[in-house]
Amino acid sequence: MSNLAVWSRPAWNTDRWLRDFFGPAAAADWYTPVTSGFNPAAEIVKDGDDAVVRLELPGVDVDKDVNVEIDKGRLVIHGEHRDDHAQETDGRTLREIRYGSFRRSFQLPAHVTGEAIKASYDAGVLSVRVTGAYAGTQAQRIEIAK
């Protein structure tokens, strides 16, 4: 007795073929601009009633290339990352230039204003303190009248 495998050719499906070839992105995504690939790591920590947002931005000139602002109730941090360095070996120079823009945004509580936000930069980390972000966020028990 021999092993016989039955194979049937699947019907031609252009959408499936394109998806398999190009990846899972929808065709509408083909026309969207490509992102730079630079997305700084961020963390948000609670410090009492304050929220502290930290972004890793090593090598970024925060004076020229970074903006911290409030836009429509959101804390928006955006800027440009540039990395330009050269290495000389055997009389040849290898220069690498990488750049890209980034944008991170975080929803703010309704009571937070621009005066409550302070930003500082130290050792490659941008820290943005939102004073009073957690004020009044504790659950409060309401008595039920009988």
C-alpha atoms as a PDB file:
ATOM      1  CA  MET A   1       0.000   0.000   0.000  1.00  0.00           C
ATOM      2  CA  SER A   2       1.342   3.460  -0.836  1.00  0.00           C
ATOM      3  CA  ASN A   3       0.755   6.801   0.786  1.00  0.00           C
ATOM      4  CA  LEU A   4      -1.133   9.066  -1.515  1.00  0.00           C
ATOM      5  CA  ALA A   5      -1.561  12.739  -0.709  1.00  0.00           C
ATOM      6  CA  VAL A   6      -4.412  14.512  -2.353  1.00  0.00           C
ATOM      7  CA  TRP A   7      -3.708  18.132  -3.171  1.00  0.00           C
ATOM      8  CA  SER A   8      -6.203  20.522  -4.525  1.00  0.00           C
ATOM      9  CA  ARG A   9      -5.199  23.903  -5.775  1.00  0.00           C
ATOM     10  CA  PRO A  10      -6.960  26.674  -3.841  1.00  0.00           C
ATOM     11  CA  ALA A  11      -9.011  29.177  -5.741  1.00  0.00           C
ATOM     12  CA  TRP A  12      -7.102  32.298  -6.752  1.00  0.00           C
ATOM     13  CA  ASN A  13      -7.666  34.936  -4.071  1.00  0.00           C
ATOM     14  CA  THR A  14      -5.913  38.222  -4.856  1.00  0.00           C
ATOM     15  CA  ASP A  15      -6.549  39.747  -1.428  1.00  0.00           C
ATOM     16  CA  ARG A  16      -5.120  36.735   0.329  1.00  0.00           C
ATOM     17  CA  TRP A  17      -2.117  36.628  -2.001  1.00  0.00           C
ATOM     18  CA  LEU A  18      -1.356  40.320  -1.380  1.00  0.00           C
ATOM     19  CA  ARG A  19      -1.782  39.870   2.367  1.00  0.00           C
ATOM     20  CA  ASP A  20       0.548  36.875   2.394  1.00  0.00           C
ATOM     21  CA  PHE A  21       3.129  38.620   0.259  1.00  0.00           C
ATOM     22  CA  PHE A  22       3.121  42.106   1.783  1.00  0.00           C
ATOM     23  CA  GLY A  23       2.110  41.276   5.350  1.00  0.00           C
ATOM     24  CA  PRO A  24      -1.005  41.826   7.407  1.00  0.00           C
ATOM     25  CA  ALA A  25      -1.419  45.552   6.629  1.00  0.00           C
ATOM     26  CA  ALA A  26      -4.600  46.544   4.884  1.00  0.00           C
ATOM     27  CA  ALA A  27      -4.341  48.019   1.407  1.00  0.00           C
ATOM     28  CA  ALA A  28      -5.392  51.428   2.796  1.00  0.00           C
ATOM     29  CA  ASP A  29      -2.243  51.412   4.955  1.00  0.00           C
ATOM     30  CA  TRP A  30      -0.007  51.337   1.891  1.00  0.00           C
ATOM     31  CA  TYR A  31      -0.598  55.033   1.327  1.00  0.00           C
ATOM     32  CA  THR A  32       0.091  56.214   4.879  1.00  0.00           C
ATOM     33  CA  PRO A  33       3.485  57.811   5.525  1.00  0.00           C
ATOM     34  CA  VAL A  34       6.184  55.642   7.035  1.00  0.00           C
ATOM     35  CA  THR A  35       7.128  56.550  10.597  1.00  0.00           C
ATOM     36  CA  SER A  36      10.727  57.226  11.474  1.00  0.00           C
ATOM     37  CA  GLY A  37      10.942  54.286  13.837  1.00  0.00           C
ATOM     38  CA  PHE A  38      12.065  56.506  16.738  1.00  0.00           C
ATOM     39  CA  ASN A  39       9.570  56.246  19.543  1.00  0.00           C
ATOM     40  CA  PRO A  40      11.131  57.172  22.897  1.00  0.00           C
ATOM     41  CA  ALA A  41      10.376  54.926  25.843  1.00  0.00           C
ATOM     42  CA  ALA A  42       8.059  56.571  28.361  1.00  0.00           C
ATOM     43  CA  GLU A  43       6.907  55.864  31.885  1.00  0.00           C
ATOM     44  CA  ILE A  44       4.348  57.553  34.091  1.00  0.00           C
ATOM     45  CA  VAL A  45       4.747  57.296  37.858  1.00  0.00           C
ATOM     46  CA  LYS A  46       2.589  58.595  40.679  1.00  0.00           C
ATOM     47  CA  ASP A  47       4.446  60.771  43.193  1.00  0.00           C
ATOM     48  CA  GLY A  48       1.921  61.771  45.856  1.00  0.00           C
ATOM     49  CA  ASP A  49      -0.758  63.763  44.026  1.00  0.00           C
ATOM     50  CA  ASP A  50       1.618  64.476  41.132  1.00  0.00           C
ATOM     51  CA  ALA A  51       2.177  62.522  37.946  1.00  0.00           C
ATOM     52  CA  VAL A  52       5.708  62.361  36.558  1.00  0.00           C
ATOM     53  CA  VAL A  53       6.146  61.499  32.893  1.00  0.00           C
ATOM     54  CA  ARG A  54       9.665  60.400  31.938  1.00  0.00           C
ATOM     55  CA  LEU A  55      10.901  60.007  28.379  1.00  0.00           C
ATOM     56  CA  GLU A  56      14.271  58.569  27.388  1.00  0.00           C
ATOM     57  CA  LEU A  57      15.852  61.066  24.991  1.00  0.00           C
ATOM     58  CA  PRO A  58      19.604  60.388  25.052  1.00  0.00           C
ATOM     59  CA  GLY A  59      21.638  62.623  22.797  1.00  0.00           C
ATOM     60  CA  VAL A  60      18.728  64.920  21.968  1.00  0.00           C
ATOM     61  CA  ASP A  61      19.256  68.671  22.179  1.00  0.00           C
ATOM     62  CA  VAL A  62      16.142  69.549  24.174  1.00  0.00           C
ATOM     63  CA  ASP A  63      16.659  73.296  23.758  1.00  0.00           C
ATOM     64  CA  LYS A  64      16.437  73.123  19.960  1.00  0.00           C
ATOM     65  CA  ASP A  65      14.620  69.896  19.166  1.00  0.00           C
ATOM     66  CA  VAL A  66      11.971  69.197  21.830  1.00  0.00           C
ATOM     67  CA  ASN A  67       8.620  70.887  22.556  1.00  0.00           C
ATOM     68  CA  VAL A  68       6.409  70.240  25.577  1.00  0.00           C
ATOM     69  CA  GLU A  69       2.908  71.690  25.291  1.00  0.00           C
ATOM     70  CA  ILE A  70      -0.739  71.290  26.198  1.00  0.00           C
ATOM     71  CA  ASP A  71      -3.060  70.779  23.253  1.00  0.00           C
ATOM     72  CA  LYS A  72      -6.795  70.097  23.678  1.00  0.00           C
ATOM     73  CA  GLY A  73      -6.410  68.638  27.166  1.00  0.00           C
ATOM     74  CA  ARG A  74      -3.406  66.496  26.283  1.00  0.00           C
ATOM     75  CA  LEU A  75       0.232  66.766  27.293  1.00  0.00           C
ATOM     76  CA  VAL A  76       2.102  66.599  23.988  1.00  0.00           C
ATOM     77  CA  ILE A  77       5.846  66.032  23.762  1.00  0.00           C
ATOM     78  CA  HIS A  78       7.253  66.138  20.257  1.00  0.00           C
ATOM     79  CA  GLY A  79      10.514  66.843  18.571  1.00  0.00           C
ATOM     80  CA  GLU A  80      13.331  65.677  16.362  1.00  0.00           C
ATOM     81  CA  HIS A  81      16.004  63.082  17.081  1.00  0.00           C
ATOM     82  CA  ARG A  82      19.276  63.523  15.209  1.00  0.00           C
ATOM     83  CA  ASP A  83      22.276  61.260  15.402  1.00  0.00           C
ATOM     84  CA  ASP A  84      25.262  62.213  13.281  1.00  0.00           C
ATOM     85  CA  HIS A  85      28.643  60.613  13.858  1.00  0.00           C
ATOM     86  CA  ALA A  86      31.704  59.773  11.808  1.00  0.00           C
ATOM     87  CA  GLN A  87      34.378  57.126  12.156  1.00  0.00           C
ATOM     88  CA  GLU A  88      37.683  57.146  10.317  1.00  0.00           C
ATOM     89  CA  THR A  89      39.404  53.875   9.483  1.00  0.00           C
ATOM     90  CA  ASP A  90      42.376  53.380   7.121  1.00  0.00           C
ATOM     91  CA  GLY A  91      41.955  56.846   5.658  1.00  0.00           C
ATOM     92  CA  ARG A  92      38.259  56.287   4.939  1.00  0.00           C
ATOM     93  CA  THR A  93      35.495  58.052   6.747  1.00  0.00           C
ATOM     94  CA  LEU A  94      32.229  56.330   7.541  1.00  0.00           C
ATOM     95  CA  ARG A  95      29.523  58.827   8.389  1.00  0.00           C
ATOM     96  CA  GLU A  96      26.173  57.726   9.735  1.00  0.00           C
ATOM     97  CA  ILE A  97      23.282  60.124   9.912  1.00  0.00           C
ATOM     98  CA  ARG A  98      20.008  59.044  11.474  1.00  0.00           C
ATOM     99  CA  TYR A  99      17.105  61.322  12.172  1.00  0.00           C
ATOM    100  CA  GLY A 100      13.422  61.173  12.781  1.00  0.00           C
ATOM    101  CA  SER A 101      10.621  62.962  14.486  1.00  0.00           C
ATOM    102  CA  PHE A 102       8.727  61.675  17.481  1.00  0.00           C
ATOM    103  CA  ARG A 103       5.466  62.540  19.181  1.00  0.00           C
ATOM    104  CA  ARG A 104       4.058  61.240  22.456  1.00  0.00           C
ATOM    105  CA  SER A 105       0.822  62.492  23.999  1.00  0.00           C
ATOM    106  CA  PHE A 106      -0.918  61.804  27.291  1.00  0.00           C
ATOM    107  CA  GLN A 107      -4.448  62.692  28.394  1.00  0.00           C
ATOM    108  CA  LEU A 108      -4.558  65.209  31.233  1.00  0.00           C
ATOM    109  CA  PRO A 109      -7.265  65.544  33.886  1.00  0.00           C
ATOM    110  CA  ALA A 110      -9.661  68.425  33.175  1.00  0.00           C
ATOM    111  CA  HIS A 111      -8.492  70.490  36.169  1.00  0.00           C
ATOM    112  CA  VAL A 112      -4.805  70.599  35.123  1.00  0.00           C
ATOM    113  CA  THR A 113      -3.551  73.875  33.625  1.00  0.00           C
ATOM    114  CA  GLY A 114      -0.250  74.899  32.091  1.00  0.00           C
ATOM    115  CA  GLU A 115       0.956  76.372  35.385  1.00  0.00           C
ATOM    116  CA  ALA A 116       0.856  72.885  36.931  1.00  0.00           C
ATOM    117  CA  ILE A 117       3.412  71.474  34.472  1.00  0.00           C
ATOM    118  CA  LYS A 118       7.183  71.681  34.925  1.00  0.00           C
ATOM    119  CA  ALA A 119       9.762  70.017  32.671  1.00  0.00           C
ATOM    120  CA  SER A 120      13.427  69.226  33.290  1.00  0.00           C
ATOM    121  CA  TYR A 121      16.146  67.295  31.464  1.00  0.00           C
ATOM    122  CA  ASP A 122      18.978  65.383  33.088  1.00  0.00           C
ATOM    123  CA  ALA A 123      21.226  62.523  31.939  1.00  0.00           C
ATOM    124  CA  GLY A 124      19.211  61.788  28.791  1.00  0.00           C
ATOM    125  CA  VAL A 125      15.825  61.680  30.542  1.00  0.00           C
ATOM    126  CA  LEU A 126      13.135  64.321  30.088  1.00  0.00           C
ATOM    127  CA  SER A 127      10.951  64.532  33.205  1.00  0.00           C
ATOM    128  CA  VAL A 128       7.623  66.345  33.099  1.00  0.00           C
ATOM    129  CA  ARG A 129       5.905  66.826  36.475  1.00  0.00           C
ATOM    130  CA  VAL A 130       2.156  67.416  36.407  1.00  0.00           C
ATOM    131  CA  THR A 131       1.340  68.881  39.817  1.00  0.00           C
ATOM    132  CA  GLY A 132      -1.980  67.739  41.272  1.00  0.00           C
ATOM    133  CA  ALA A 133      -2.818  65.317  38.479  1.00  0.00           C
ATOM    134  CA  TYR A 134      -4.087  62.743  40.980  1.00  0.00           C
ATOM    135  CA  ALA A 135      -5.677  65.226  43.400  1.00  0.00           C
ATOM    136  CA  GLY A 136      -9.270  64.310  44.111  1.00  0.00           C
ATOM    137  CA  THR A 137      -9.089  60.984  42.317  1.00  0.00           C
ATOM    138  CA  GLN A 138      -9.651  58.860  45.420  1.00  0.00           C
ATOM    139  CA  ALA A 139     -12.940  57.025  45.499  1.00  0.00           C
ATOM    140  CA  GLN A 140     -15.380  58.511  47.984  1.00  0.00           C
ATOM    141  CA  ARG A 141     -18.126  56.474  49.564  1.00  0.00           C
ATOM    142  CA  ILE A 142     -21.591  58.022  49.424  1.00  0.00           C
ATOM    143  CA  GLU A 143     -24.104  57.125  52.107  1.00  0.00           C
ATOM    144  CA  ILE A 144     -27.415  55.723  50.915  1.00  0.00           C
ATOM    145  CA  ALA A 145     -30.385  57.310  52.623  1.00  0.00           C
ATOM    146  CA  LYS A 146     -33.200  54.998  53.803  1.00  0.00           C
END
